[in-house]
């Protein structure tokens, strides 16, 4: 029996235009634009029918950098998984329209542009602002909920070590990057798909990082997602995380339940 996944995080292409100091893309090249094959993507969606609650189109890429590709992949998801929530994050650099069929959009204010900038931007795009606070702006556009995370890069103690890929003492790590001694339930609820088709058990693990390759669960170009979800390697990884037997990329991770992997999660949770 295929288990239900709360969040599928998928890269429909590889490209990101930034090299943020808190992201492994600072050292891992993501300036190329390689697409996840459309037919492979369709097979993935068919294999997940009735087994995924939310799909996010962002991982270590910038999804809005190819809006037409994103629209196509959204339309396929709407067709094949009509009851699944569709969401994405963006750095906002390519945000010129809100005319795409997504349920929830998170915009990261990485450059600390602030409240006035984003209120003006959202208004120009036809969104209605519903809430403003020191850390966020909430808005709505037709059926799309929008969240702007304000001044993200100046917040203290929120950065996680991305599976051990970040080490700098200049970063303000969550819980000071202590060795983990509490269970992690994320791998029970999450699956990541890299643009290469690699399937990862955690949002911090990625197939293009040499230290993470042995933790990749499989590849959807060669193995159906239904088989990967029930494979022994995934079950063993989940068990290790539940009993707090952390090694490799998990040893100093401070990841807690994410926005869409927590119970009753959503954009404003």
C-alpha atoms as a PDB file:
ATOM      1  CA  UNK A   1       0.000   0.000   0.000  1.00  0.00           C
ATOM      2  CA  UNK A   2       1.362   3.415  -0.985  1.00  0.00           C
ATOM      3  CA  UNK A   3       1.625   5.791   2.015  1.00  0.00           C
ATOM      4  CA  UNK A   4       0.138   9.274   1.833  1.00  0.00           C
ATOM      5  CA  UNK A   5       2.678  12.087   1.527  1.00  0.00           C
ATOM      6  CA  UNK A   6       1.819  15.430   3.083  1.00  0.00           C
ATOM      7  CA  UNK A   7       4.291  17.340   0.892  1.00  0.00           C
ATOM      8  CA  UNK A   8       5.920  16.608  -2.434  1.00  0.00           C
ATOM      9  CA  UNK A   9       8.610  19.188  -3.188  1.00  0.00           C
ATOM     10  CA  UNK A  10       9.623  19.076  -6.854  1.00  0.00           C
ATOM     11  CA  UNK A  11      12.070  20.864  -9.115  1.00  0.00           C
ATOM     12  CA  UNK A  12      10.549  21.156 -12.583  1.00  0.00           C
ATOM     13  CA  UNK A  13      13.866  22.656 -13.684  1.00  0.00           C
ATOM     14  CA  UNK A  14      17.298  23.322 -12.207  1.00  0.00           C
ATOM     15  CA  UNK A  15      17.862  27.072 -12.547  1.00  0.00           C
ATOM     16  CA  UNK A  16      18.247  29.553  -9.722  1.00  0.00           C
ATOM     17  CA  UNK A  17      19.499  33.094 -10.363  1.00  0.00           C
ATOM     18  CA  UNK A  18      20.844  33.639  -6.842  1.00  0.00           C
ATOM     19  CA  UNK A  19      23.703  32.405  -4.694  1.00  0.00           C
ATOM     20  CA  UNK A  20      22.471  33.296  -1.215  1.00  0.00           C
ATOM     21  CA  UNK A  21      24.976  32.873   1.594  1.00  0.00           C
ATOM     22  CA  UNK A  22      22.522  30.715   3.598  1.00  0.00           C
ATOM     23  CA  UNK A  23      21.941  28.311   0.694  1.00  0.00           C
ATOM     24  CA  UNK A  24      24.155  25.514  -0.693  1.00  0.00           C
ATOM     25  CA  UNK A  25      23.601  27.033  -4.159  1.00  0.00           C
ATOM     26  CA  UNK A  26      26.359  29.450  -3.171  1.00  0.00           C
ATOM     27  CA  UNK A  27      28.768  26.590  -3.908  1.00  0.00           C
ATOM     28  CA  UNK A  28      26.667  24.211  -6.026  1.00  0.00           C
ATOM     29  CA  UNK A  29      26.154  25.493  -9.556  1.00  0.00           C
ATOM     30  CA  UNK A  30      22.492  25.997 -10.438  1.00  0.00           C
ATOM     31  CA  UNK A  31      22.988  28.449 -13.305  1.00  0.00           C
ATOM     32  CA  UNK A  32      22.102  25.827 -15.913  1.00  0.00           C
ATOM     33  CA  UNK A  33      18.497  25.276 -17.009  1.00  0.00           C
ATOM     34  CA  UNK A  34      17.707  21.569 -17.211  1.00  0.00           C
ATOM     35  CA  UNK A  35      14.077  20.475 -17.152  1.00  0.00           C
ATOM     36  CA  UNK A  36      12.596  17.432 -15.483  1.00  0.00           C
ATOM     37  CA  UNK A  37      11.188  15.461 -18.437  1.00  0.00           C
ATOM     38  CA  UNK A  38       7.476  16.141 -18.993  1.00  0.00           C
ATOM     39  CA  UNK A  39       6.504  12.497 -19.520  1.00  0.00           C
ATOM     40  CA  UNK A  40       8.431  11.463 -16.398  1.00  0.00           C
ATOM     41  CA  UNK A  41       6.599  14.222 -14.503  1.00  0.00           C
ATOM     42  CA  UNK A  42       3.245  12.935 -15.755  1.00  0.00           C
ATOM     43  CA  UNK A  43       4.090   9.385 -14.674  1.00  0.00           C
ATOM     44  CA  UNK A  44       5.043  10.753 -11.247  1.00  0.00           C
ATOM     45  CA  UNK A  45       1.681  12.490 -10.849  1.00  0.00           C
ATOM     46  CA  UNK A  46      -0.208   9.392 -11.943  1.00  0.00           C
ATOM     47  CA  UNK A  47       1.754   7.320  -9.438  1.00  0.00           C
ATOM     48  CA  UNK A  48       0.819   9.704  -6.636  1.00  0.00           C
ATOM     49  CA  UNK A  49      -2.912   9.867  -7.356  1.00  0.00           C
ATOM     50  CA  UNK A  50      -4.795  10.143  -4.037  1.00  0.00           C
ATOM     51  CA  UNK A  51      -1.509   9.892  -2.130  1.00  0.00           C
ATOM     52  CA  UNK A  52      -0.192  13.480  -1.867  1.00  0.00           C
ATOM     53  CA  UNK A  53      -1.786  16.413  -0.047  1.00  0.00           C
ATOM     54  CA  UNK A  54       0.395  19.305  -1.243  1.00  0.00           C
ATOM     55  CA  UNK A  55       2.816  19.833  -4.131  1.00  0.00           C
ATOM     56  CA  UNK A  56       5.413  22.594  -3.957  1.00  0.00           C
ATOM     57  CA  UNK A  57       7.209  23.541  -7.180  1.00  0.00           C
ATOM     58  CA  UNK A  58      10.243  24.994  -5.408  1.00  0.00           C
ATOM     59  CA  UNK A  59      13.321  23.336  -3.931  1.00  0.00           C
ATOM     60  CA  UNK A  60      16.732  24.700  -4.849  1.00  0.00           C
ATOM     61  CA  UNK A  61      15.454  26.287  -8.064  1.00  0.00           C
ATOM     62  CA  UNK A  62      13.521  29.472  -8.812  1.00  0.00           C
ATOM     63  CA  UNK A  63      10.229  28.273 -10.345  1.00  0.00           C
ATOM     64  CA  UNK A  64       9.054  31.643 -11.669  1.00  0.00           C
ATOM     65  CA  UNK A  65      12.144  32.012 -13.851  1.00  0.00           C
ATOM     66  CA  UNK A  66      10.314  29.893 -16.459  1.00  0.00           C
ATOM     67  CA  UNK A  67       6.677  30.882 -16.059  1.00  0.00           C
ATOM     68  CA  UNK A  68       5.377  29.038 -19.126  1.00  0.00           C
ATOM     69  CA  UNK A  69       6.948  25.789 -17.938  1.00  0.00           C
ATOM     70  CA  UNK A  70       5.473  26.333 -14.477  1.00  0.00           C
ATOM     71  CA  UNK A  71       2.011  26.993 -15.911  1.00  0.00           C
ATOM     72  CA  UNK A  72       2.178  23.799 -17.941  1.00  0.00           C
ATOM     73  CA  UNK A  73       3.226  21.691 -14.947  1.00  0.00           C
ATOM     74  CA  UNK A  74       0.525  23.301 -12.800  1.00  0.00           C
ATOM     75  CA  UNK A  75      -2.136  22.503 -15.401  1.00  0.00           C
ATOM     76  CA  UNK A  76      -1.038  18.865 -15.508  1.00  0.00           C
ATOM     77  CA  UNK A  77      -1.199  18.639 -11.724  1.00  0.00           C
ATOM     78  CA  UNK A  78      -4.697  20.177 -11.746  1.00  0.00           C
ATOM     79  CA  UNK A  79      -5.794  17.614 -14.302  1.00  0.00           C
ATOM     80  CA  UNK A  80      -4.264  14.525 -12.717  1.00  0.00           C
ATOM     81  CA  UNK A  81      -4.444  15.463  -9.018  1.00  0.00           C
ATOM     82  CA  UNK A  82      -7.470  17.771  -8.735  1.00  0.00           C
ATOM     83  CA  UNK A  83      -7.720  17.503  -4.937  1.00  0.00           C
ATOM     84  CA  UNK A  84      -4.057  18.335  -4.253  1.00  0.00           C
ATOM     85  CA  UNK A  85      -3.036  21.769  -2.990  1.00  0.00           C
ATOM     86  CA  UNK A  86      -0.467  23.475  -5.258  1.00  0.00           C
ATOM     87  CA  UNK A  87       2.010  25.926  -3.738  1.00  0.00           C
ATOM     88  CA  UNK A  88       5.384  27.486  -4.403  1.00  0.00           C
ATOM     89  CA  UNK A  89       8.062  29.748  -2.941  1.00  0.00           C
ATOM     90  CA  UNK A  90       9.776  32.469  -4.936  1.00  0.00           C
ATOM     91  CA  UNK A  91      12.591  34.935  -4.363  1.00  0.00           C
ATOM     92  CA  UNK A  92      10.384  37.466  -6.170  1.00  0.00           C
ATOM     93  CA  UNK A  93      12.926  38.421  -8.833  1.00  0.00           C
ATOM     94  CA  UNK A  94      10.705  37.169 -11.672  1.00  0.00           C
ATOM     95  CA  UNK A  95       7.360  38.119 -10.139  1.00  0.00           C
ATOM     96  CA  UNK A  96       5.662  40.138 -12.893  1.00  0.00           C
ATOM     97  CA  UNK A  97       2.192  38.570 -12.769  1.00  0.00           C
ATOM     98  CA  UNK A  98      -0.089  36.587 -10.504  1.00  0.00           C
ATOM     99  CA  UNK A  99      -1.927  35.021 -13.423  1.00  0.00           C
ATOM    100  CA  UNK A 100      -1.007  31.412 -12.705  1.00  0.00           C
ATOM    101  CA  UNK A 101      -3.237  28.828 -11.067  1.00  0.00           C
ATOM    102  CA  UNK A 102      -1.614  28.197  -7.715  1.00  0.00           C
ATOM    103  CA  UNK A 103      -3.276  27.967  -4.314  1.00  0.00           C
ATOM    104  CA  UNK A 104      -0.585  29.499  -2.118  1.00  0.00           C
ATOM    105  CA  UNK A 105       2.415  31.679  -2.986  1.00  0.00           C
ATOM    106  CA  UNK A 106       5.217  32.535  -0.550  1.00  0.00           C
ATOM    107  CA  UNK A 107       7.486  35.455  -1.479  1.00  0.00           C
ATOM    108  CA  UNK A 108      10.806  35.728   0.323  1.00  0.00           C
ATOM    109  CA  UNK A 109      12.022  39.279   0.992  1.00  0.00           C
ATOM    110  CA  UNK A 110      15.667  38.254   0.813  1.00  0.00           C
ATOM    111  CA  UNK A 111      16.809  41.790   0.001  1.00  0.00           C
ATOM    112  CA  UNK A 112      14.928  43.387   2.917  1.00  0.00           C
ATOM    113  CA  UNK A 113      12.944  45.659   0.590  1.00  0.00           C
ATOM    114  CA  UNK A 114      10.363  46.121   3.320  1.00  0.00           C
ATOM    115  CA  UNK A 115       6.663  46.772   3.774  1.00  0.00           C
ATOM    116  CA  UNK A 116       6.164  49.749   1.460  1.00  0.00           C
ATOM    117  CA  UNK A 117       7.880  48.075  -1.486  1.00  0.00           C
ATOM    118  CA  UNK A 118       5.832  44.895  -1.227  1.00  0.00           C
ATOM    119  CA  UNK A 119       2.499  46.628  -0.634  1.00  0.00           C
ATOM    120  CA  UNK A 120       3.085  48.657  -3.798  1.00  0.00           C
ATOM    121  CA  UNK A 121       4.217  45.570  -5.728  1.00  0.00           C
ATOM    122  CA  UNK A 122       1.245  43.475  -4.659  1.00  0.00           C
ATOM    123  CA  UNK A 123      -1.165  46.297  -5.456  1.00  0.00           C
ATOM    124  CA  UNK A 124       0.312  46.687  -8.949  1.00  0.00           C
ATOM    125  CA  UNK A 125      -0.195  42.950  -9.511  1.00  0.00           C
ATOM    126  CA  UNK A 126      -3.853  43.179  -8.481  1.00  0.00           C
ATOM    127  CA  UNK A 127      -3.589  41.553  -5.044  1.00  0.00           C
ATOM    128  CA  UNK A 128      -5.520  42.719  -1.994  1.00  0.00           C
ATOM    129  CA  UNK A 129      -3.462  43.092   1.191  1.00  0.00           C
ATOM    130  CA  UNK A 130      -5.278  41.607   4.198  1.00  0.00           C
ATOM    131  CA  UNK A 131      -2.701  41.796   7.006  1.00  0.00           C
ATOM    132  CA  UNK A 132       0.581  43.574   7.748  1.00  0.00           C
ATOM    133  CA  UNK A 133       2.939  42.818  10.633  1.00  0.00           C
ATOM    134  CA  UNK A 134       6.621  43.301  11.415  1.00  0.00           C
ATOM    135  CA  UNK A 135       7.504  39.984   9.766  1.00  0.00           C
ATOM    136  CA  UNK A 136       4.896  39.323   7.091  1.00  0.00           C
ATOM    137  CA  UNK A 137       2.331  40.633   4.659  1.00  0.00           C
ATOM    138  CA  UNK A 138      -0.724  38.542   3.833  1.00  0.00           C
ATOM    139  CA  UNK A 139      -2.667  39.119   0.635  1.00  0.00           C
ATOM    140  CA  UNK A 140      -5.104  37.455  -1.733  1.00  0.00           C
ATOM    141  CA  UNK A 141      -5.430  37.400  -5.505  1.00  0.00           C
ATOM    142  CA  UNK A 142      -8.581  35.667  -6.786  1.00  0.00           C
ATOM    143  CA  UNK A 143      -8.242  32.177  -5.192  1.00  0.00           C
ATOM    144  CA  UNK A 144      -4.523  32.518  -4.416  1.00  0.00           C
ATOM    145  CA  UNK A 145      -3.317  33.162  -0.881  1.00  0.00           C
ATOM    146  CA  UNK A 146      -0.068  35.153  -0.715  1.00  0.00           C
ATOM    147  CA  UNK A 147       2.492  35.538   2.036  1.00  0.00           C
ATOM    148  CA  UNK A 148       5.493  37.879   1.936  1.00  0.00           C
ATOM    149  CA  UNK A 149       8.137  36.873   4.467  1.00  0.00           C
ATOM    150  CA  UNK A 150       9.652  40.248   5.355  1.00  0.00           C
ATOM    151  CA  UNK A 151      13.307  40.840   6.201  1.00  0.00           C
ATOM    152  CA  UNK A 152      14.000  37.112   6.200  1.00  0.00           C
ATOM    153  CA  UNK A 153      17.768  37.380   5.875  1.00  0.00           C
ATOM    154  CA  UNK A 154      18.111  39.512   9.019  1.00  0.00           C
ATOM    155  CA  UNK A 155      16.224  37.154  11.310  1.00  0.00           C
ATOM    156  CA  UNK A 156      18.326  35.514  14.001  1.00  0.00           C
ATOM    157  CA  UNK A 157      18.606  31.790  14.646  1.00  0.00           C
ATOM    158  CA  UNK A 158      16.469  30.447  11.791  1.00  0.00           C
ATOM    159  CA  UNK A 159      19.081  29.008   9.407  1.00  0.00           C
ATOM    160  CA  UNK A 160      19.437  25.209   9.289  1.00  0.00           C
ATOM    161  CA  UNK A 161      22.644  23.566   8.121  1.00  0.00           C
ATOM    162  CA  UNK A 162      21.070  22.069   4.977  1.00  0.00           C
ATOM    163  CA  UNK A 163      22.153  18.522   5.640  1.00  0.00           C
ATOM    164  CA  UNK A 164      25.613  19.566   6.760  1.00  0.00           C
ATOM    165  CA  UNK A 165      26.320  21.609   3.618  1.00  0.00           C
ATOM    166  CA  UNK A 166      26.533  24.885   5.568  1.00  0.00           C
ATOM    167  CA  UNK A 167      29.259  25.293   8.177  1.00  0.00           C
ATOM    168  CA  UNK A 168      30.189  28.976   8.417  1.00  0.00           C
ATOM    169  CA  UNK A 169      30.486  30.482  11.885  1.00  0.00           C
ATOM    170  CA  UNK A 170      29.148  33.693  10.355  1.00  0.00           C
ATOM    171  CA  UNK A 171      25.681  32.125  10.012  1.00  0.00           C
ATOM    172  CA  UNK A 172      23.115  32.339  12.791  1.00  0.00           C
ATOM    173  CA  UNK A 173      22.085  28.696  13.006  1.00  0.00           C
ATOM    174  CA  UNK A 174      18.919  27.461  14.647  1.00  0.00           C
ATOM    175  CA  UNK A 175      19.702  26.068  18.127  1.00  0.00           C
ATOM    176  CA  UNK A 176      23.361  26.916  17.421  1.00  0.00           C
ATOM    177  CA  UNK A 177      23.589  23.806  15.238  1.00  0.00           C
ATOM    178  CA  UNK A 178      23.712  21.436  18.202  1.00  0.00           C
ATOM    179  CA  UNK A 179      23.944  17.702  17.672  1.00  0.00           C
ATOM    180  CA  UNK A 180      20.402  16.468  17.218  1.00  0.00           C
ATOM    181  CA  UNK A 181      18.909  14.359  20.018  1.00  0.00           C
ATOM    182  CA  UNK A 182      15.179  14.520  19.305  1.00  0.00           C
ATOM    183  CA  UNK A 183      13.150  12.494  16.791  1.00  0.00           C
ATOM    184  CA  UNK A 184      12.430  13.772  13.288  1.00  0.00           C
ATOM    185  CA  UNK A 185       9.169  12.831  11.592  1.00  0.00           C
ATOM    186  CA  UNK A 186       9.670  14.792   8.366  1.00  0.00           C
ATOM    187  CA  UNK A 187      10.734  11.776   6.257  1.00  0.00           C
ATOM    188  CA  UNK A 188       7.388  10.116   7.016  1.00  0.00           C
ATOM    189  CA  UNK A 189       5.551  13.090   5.532  1.00  0.00           C
ATOM    190  CA  UNK A 190       7.860  14.452   2.834  1.00  0.00           C
ATOM    191  CA  UNK A 191       9.344  13.443  -0.505  1.00  0.00           C
ATOM    192  CA  UNK A 192      11.609  15.641  -2.632  1.00  0.00           C
ATOM    193  CA  UNK A 193      12.193  15.272  -6.371  1.00  0.00           C
ATOM    194  CA  UNK A 194      15.272  16.901  -7.881  1.00  0.00           C
ATOM    195  CA  UNK A 195      15.332  18.066 -11.506  1.00  0.00           C
ATOM    196  CA  UNK A 196      17.452  14.964 -12.230  1.00  0.00           C
ATOM    197  CA  UNK A 197      14.660  12.707 -11.010  1.00  0.00           C
ATOM    198  CA  UNK A 198      16.490  11.832  -7.784  1.00  0.00           C
ATOM    199  CA  UNK A 199      14.109  11.183  -4.888  1.00  0.00           C
ATOM    200  CA  UNK A 200      15.158  12.543  -1.490  1.00  0.00           C
ATOM    201  CA  UNK A 201      13.783  11.815   1.992  1.00  0.00           C
ATOM    202  CA  UNK A 202      14.204  15.366   3.309  1.00  0.00           C
ATOM    203  CA  UNK A 203      14.118  18.934   2.012  1.00  0.00           C
ATOM    204  CA  UNK A 204      17.771  19.392   3.035  1.00  0.00           C
ATOM    205  CA  UNK A 205      19.075  16.370   1.115  1.00  0.00           C
ATOM    206  CA  UNK A 206      19.864  16.867  -2.582  1.00  0.00           C
ATOM    207  CA  UNK A 207      21.276  14.625  -5.260  1.00  0.00           C
ATOM    208  CA  UNK A 208      23.764  17.183  -6.590  1.00  0.00           C
ATOM    209  CA  UNK A 209      25.640  17.270  -3.255  1.00  0.00           C
ATOM    210  CA  UNK A 210      28.372  14.629  -3.134  1.00  0.00           C
ATOM    211  CA  UNK A 211      27.925  14.024   0.613  1.00  0.00           C
ATOM    212  CA  UNK A 212      24.226  13.281   0.098  1.00  0.00           C
ATOM    213  CA  UNK A 213      24.348  10.816  -2.782  1.00  0.00           C
ATOM    214  CA  UNK A 214      24.202   7.708  -0.585  1.00  0.00           C
ATOM    215  CA  UNK A 215      20.941   8.987   0.944  1.00  0.00           C
ATOM    216  CA  UNK A 216      19.063   9.248  -2.361  1.00  0.00           C
ATOM    217  CA  UNK A 217      16.125   6.823  -2.347  1.00  0.00           C
ATOM    218  CA  UNK A 218      15.887   6.211  -6.076  1.00  0.00           C
ATOM    219  CA  UNK A 219      15.229   7.964  -9.361  1.00  0.00           C
ATOM    220  CA  UNK A 220      11.870   8.355 -11.084  1.00  0.00           C
ATOM    221  CA  UNK A 221      13.469   8.034 -14.525  1.00  0.00           C
ATOM    222  CA  UNK A 222      14.134   4.375 -13.759  1.00  0.00           C
ATOM    223  CA  UNK A 223      11.822   3.403 -10.882  1.00  0.00           C
ATOM    224  CA  UNK A 224       8.116   4.187 -10.340  1.00  0.00           C
ATOM    225  CA  UNK A 225       7.449   6.476  -7.383  1.00  0.00           C
ATOM    226  CA  UNK A 226       5.095   3.836  -5.957  1.00  0.00           C
ATOM    227  CA  UNK A 227       8.048   1.485  -5.532  1.00  0.00           C
ATOM    228  CA  UNK A 228      10.358   4.141  -4.099  1.00  0.00           C
ATOM    229  CA  UNK A 229       7.821   5.138  -1.450  1.00  0.00           C
ATOM    230  CA  UNK A 230       7.722   1.602  -0.038  1.00  0.00           C
ATOM    231  CA  UNK A 231      11.375   0.688  -0.540  1.00  0.00           C
ATOM    232  CA  UNK A 232      13.482  -0.658   2.321  1.00  0.00           C
ATOM    233  CA  UNK A 233      15.930   2.245   2.106  1.00  0.00           C
ATOM    234  CA  UNK A 234      13.177   4.775   2.801  1.00  0.00           C
ATOM    235  CA  UNK A 235      11.729   2.680   5.636  1.00  0.00           C
ATOM    236  CA  UNK A 236      15.169   2.383   7.249  1.00  0.00           C
ATOM    237  CA  UNK A 237      15.801   6.124   6.961  1.00  0.00           C
ATOM    238  CA  UNK A 238      12.417   6.903   8.542  1.00  0.00           C
ATOM    239  CA  UNK A 239      13.091   4.484  11.410  1.00  0.00           C
ATOM    240  CA  UNK A 240      16.533   5.972  12.095  1.00  0.00           C
ATOM    241  CA  UNK A 241      14.993   9.448  12.307  1.00  0.00           C
ATOM    242  CA  UNK A 242      12.179   8.325  14.596  1.00  0.00           C
ATOM    243  CA  UNK A 243      14.545   6.610  17.059  1.00  0.00           C
ATOM    244  CA  UNK A 244      17.021   9.529  16.863  1.00  0.00           C
ATOM    245  CA  UNK A 245      19.831   7.516  15.277  1.00  0.00           C
ATOM    246  CA  UNK A 246      21.231  10.416  13.269  1.00  0.00           C
ATOM    247  CA  UNK A 247      24.235  10.201  10.972  1.00  0.00           C
ATOM    248  CA  UNK A 248      25.555  12.033   7.925  1.00  0.00           C
ATOM    249  CA  UNK A 249      23.350  14.977   6.857  1.00  0.00           C
ATOM    250  CA  UNK A 250      21.034  14.529   9.847  1.00  0.00           C
ATOM    251  CA  UNK A 251      23.607  14.687  12.654  1.00  0.00           C
ATOM    252  CA  UNK A 252      23.376  18.423  13.354  1.00  0.00           C
ATOM    253  CA  UNK A 253      20.058  19.170  11.662  1.00  0.00           C
ATOM    254  CA  UNK A 254      17.552  21.254  13.607  1.00  0.00           C
ATOM    255  CA  UNK A 255      14.624  20.787  11.252  1.00  0.00           C
ATOM    256  CA  UNK A 256      11.152  20.836  12.815  1.00  0.00           C
ATOM    257  CA  UNK A 257       7.828  20.179  11.117  1.00  0.00           C
ATOM    258  CA  UNK A 258       7.526  22.383   8.057  1.00  0.00           C
ATOM    259  CA  UNK A 259       4.695  24.614   6.953  1.00  0.00           C
ATOM    260  CA  UNK A 260       3.062  21.866   4.912  1.00  0.00           C
ATOM    261  CA  UNK A 261       4.211  18.809   6.829  1.00  0.00           C
ATOM    262  CA  UNK A 262       2.782  19.817  10.189  1.00  0.00           C
ATOM    263  CA  UNK A 263      -0.764  18.852  11.121  1.00  0.00           C
ATOM    264  CA  UNK A 264      -3.321  21.277   9.677  1.00  0.00           C
ATOM    265  CA  UNK A 265      -0.514  23.119   7.908  1.00  0.00           C
ATOM    266  CA  UNK A 266      -0.846  25.919   5.411  1.00  0.00           C
ATOM    267  CA  UNK A 267       0.656  29.160   4.253  1.00  0.00           C
ATOM    268  CA  UNK A 268      -0.206  31.078   7.430  1.00  0.00           C
ATOM    269  CA  UNK A 269       0.549  28.297   9.919  1.00  0.00           C
END
